[in-house]
């Protein structure tokens, strides 16, 4: 089990099979191999196998599956582009 605690979000990882992420604003991409989640200031990308949204309530989301990689992107231009605030 692992924790990533940041001033604006919290990530709890359980055995690489379940993850809980707070500060979720929008699910941008959802497939069994990749889930992209937009937070207030970051973009989280989960890569794995058999990924599924287990629960989405309030501003928290739970993902289950064989999680192989977690990427946290906090580049403001990339986040704005995902939100459609920048021209493509």
C-alpha atoms as a PDB file:
ATOM      1  CA  UNK A   1       0.000   0.000   0.000  1.00  0.00           C
ATOM      2  CA  UNK A   2       1.265   3.506  -0.790  1.00  0.00           C
ATOM      3  CA  UNK A   3       0.174   7.081  -0.394  1.00  0.00           C
ATOM      4  CA  UNK A   4       0.864  10.186  -2.432  1.00  0.00           C
ATOM      5  CA  UNK A   5      -0.185  13.296  -0.560  1.00  0.00           C
ATOM      6  CA  UNK A   6      -0.142  16.677  -2.268  1.00  0.00           C
ATOM      7  CA  UNK A   7      -1.636  20.000  -1.224  1.00  0.00           C
ATOM      8  CA  UNK A   8      -4.537  19.602  -3.668  1.00  0.00           C
ATOM      9  CA  UNK A   9      -4.991  15.806  -4.010  1.00  0.00           C
ATOM     10  CA  UNK A  10      -4.455  12.488  -2.253  1.00  0.00           C
ATOM     11  CA  UNK A  11      -3.764   9.116  -3.876  1.00  0.00           C
ATOM     12  CA  UNK A  12      -4.022   5.812  -2.012  1.00  0.00           C
ATOM     13  CA  UNK A  13      -2.654   2.716  -3.780  1.00  0.00           C
ATOM     14  CA  UNK A  14      -3.516  -0.781  -2.536  1.00  0.00           C
ATOM     15  CA  UNK A  15      -1.273  -3.597  -3.832  1.00  0.00           C
ATOM     16  CA  UNK A  16      -1.270  -2.286  -7.409  1.00  0.00           C
ATOM     17  CA  UNK A  17      -4.842  -3.561  -7.760  1.00  0.00           C
ATOM     18  CA  UNK A  18      -6.911  -0.658  -6.443  1.00  0.00           C
ATOM     19  CA  UNK A  19      -6.345   3.084  -6.310  1.00  0.00           C
ATOM     20  CA  UNK A  20      -8.340   5.907  -4.729  1.00  0.00           C
ATOM     21  CA  UNK A  21      -7.815   9.436  -6.087  1.00  0.00           C
ATOM     22  CA  UNK A  22      -9.272  12.629  -4.601  1.00  0.00           C
ATOM     23  CA  UNK A  23      -9.835  16.039  -6.243  1.00  0.00           C
ATOM     24  CA  UNK A  24     -11.291  14.455  -9.412  1.00  0.00           C
ATOM     25  CA  UNK A  25     -13.030  16.860 -11.763  1.00  0.00           C
ATOM     26  CA  UNK A  26     -13.584  14.824 -14.933  1.00  0.00           C
ATOM     27  CA  UNK A  27     -12.857  11.435 -16.525  1.00  0.00           C
ATOM     28  CA  UNK A  28     -11.175  12.266 -19.850  1.00  0.00           C
ATOM     29  CA  UNK A  29     -10.438   8.776 -21.166  1.00  0.00           C
ATOM     30  CA  UNK A  30     -11.672   5.386 -20.058  1.00  0.00           C
ATOM     31  CA  UNK A  31     -10.615   2.018 -21.461  1.00  0.00           C
ATOM     32  CA  UNK A  32      -9.459  -1.289 -19.920  1.00  0.00           C
ATOM     33  CA  UNK A  33      -5.826  -0.238 -20.630  1.00  0.00           C
ATOM     34  CA  UNK A  34      -5.836   3.511 -19.880  1.00  0.00           C
ATOM     35  CA  UNK A  35      -7.788   5.906 -17.671  1.00  0.00           C
ATOM     36  CA  UNK A  36      -7.119   9.650 -17.686  1.00  0.00           C
ATOM     37  CA  UNK A  37      -8.510  11.734 -14.837  1.00  0.00           C
ATOM     38  CA  UNK A  38      -8.488  15.518 -14.692  1.00  0.00           C
ATOM     39  CA  UNK A  39      -7.881  17.021 -11.258  1.00  0.00           C
ATOM     40  CA  UNK A  40      -7.927  20.720 -10.354  1.00  0.00           C
ATOM     41  CA  UNK A  41      -4.284  21.270 -11.295  1.00  0.00           C
ATOM     42  CA  UNK A  42      -3.044  17.895 -12.541  1.00  0.00           C
ATOM     43  CA  UNK A  43      -3.773  15.181 -15.065  1.00  0.00           C
ATOM     44  CA  UNK A  44      -3.514  11.589 -13.787  1.00  0.00           C
ATOM     45  CA  UNK A  45      -2.958   8.768 -16.289  1.00  0.00           C
ATOM     46  CA  UNK A  46      -3.295   5.143 -15.183  1.00  0.00           C
ATOM     47  CA  UNK A  47      -1.934   2.397 -17.445  1.00  0.00           C
ATOM     48  CA  UNK A  48      -2.675  -1.268 -16.885  1.00  0.00           C
ATOM     49  CA  UNK A  49      -4.923  -4.202 -17.685  1.00  0.00           C
ATOM     50  CA  UNK A  50      -8.601  -4.761 -16.924  1.00  0.00           C
ATOM     51  CA  UNK A  51      -8.934  -1.238 -15.494  1.00  0.00           C
ATOM     52  CA  UNK A  52     -12.398  -0.236 -14.367  1.00  0.00           C
ATOM     53  CA  UNK A  53     -13.960   2.593 -12.418  1.00  0.00           C
ATOM     54  CA  UNK A  54     -15.035   0.987  -9.199  1.00  0.00           C
ATOM     55  CA  UNK A  55     -16.738   4.006  -7.702  1.00  0.00           C
ATOM     56  CA  UNK A  56     -17.033   7.711  -8.480  1.00  0.00           C
ATOM     57  CA  UNK A  57     -18.552   9.841  -5.749  1.00  0.00           C
ATOM     58  CA  UNK A  58     -18.135  13.482  -4.824  1.00  0.00           C
ATOM     59  CA  UNK A  59     -14.645  14.344  -5.936  1.00  0.00           C
ATOM     60  CA  UNK A  60     -13.146  10.868  -5.431  1.00  0.00           C
ATOM     61  CA  UNK A  61     -12.756   7.984  -7.834  1.00  0.00           C
ATOM     62  CA  UNK A  62     -11.714   4.381  -7.218  1.00  0.00           C
ATOM     63  CA  UNK A  63     -10.095   2.360  -9.981  1.00  0.00           C
ATOM     64  CA  UNK A  64      -9.470  -1.384  -9.863  1.00  0.00           C
ATOM     65  CA  UNK A  65      -7.446  -3.658 -12.137  1.00  0.00           C
ATOM     66  CA  UNK A  66      -3.818  -4.541 -12.748  1.00  0.00           C
ATOM     67  CA  UNK A  67      -2.273  -1.071 -12.428  1.00  0.00           C
ATOM     68  CA  UNK A  68       1.163  -0.990 -14.068  1.00  0.00           C
ATOM     69  CA  UNK A  69       1.919   2.741 -14.224  1.00  0.00           C
ATOM     70  CA  UNK A  70       0.725   6.019 -12.745  1.00  0.00           C
ATOM     71  CA  UNK A  71       1.644   9.330 -14.361  1.00  0.00           C
ATOM     72  CA  UNK A  72       0.988  12.722 -12.789  1.00  0.00           C
ATOM     73  CA  UNK A  73       1.201  15.647 -15.196  1.00  0.00           C
ATOM     74  CA  UNK A  74       1.071  19.140 -13.737  1.00  0.00           C
ATOM     75  CA  UNK A  75       2.099  21.227 -16.752  1.00  0.00           C
ATOM     76  CA  UNK A  76      -0.459  24.035 -16.832  1.00  0.00           C
ATOM     77  CA  UNK A  77      -0.612  24.269 -20.649  1.00  0.00           C
ATOM     78  CA  UNK A  78      -1.270  20.533 -20.958  1.00  0.00           C
ATOM     79  CA  UNK A  79      -4.062  20.765 -18.385  1.00  0.00           C
ATOM     80  CA  UNK A  80      -5.613  23.769 -20.139  1.00  0.00           C
ATOM     81  CA  UNK A  81      -5.483  21.919 -23.461  1.00  0.00           C
ATOM     82  CA  UNK A  82      -7.328  18.948 -21.922  1.00  0.00           C
ATOM     83  CA  UNK A  83      -9.989  21.322 -20.623  1.00  0.00           C
ATOM     84  CA  UNK A  84     -10.280  22.951 -24.072  1.00  0.00           C
ATOM     85  CA  UNK A  85      -8.985  26.298 -22.832  1.00  0.00           C
ATOM     86  CA  UNK A  86      -6.142  26.425 -25.410  1.00  0.00           C
ATOM     87  CA  UNK A  87      -6.453  26.166 -29.154  1.00  0.00           C
ATOM     88  CA  UNK A  88      -5.193  22.873 -30.559  1.00  0.00           C
END
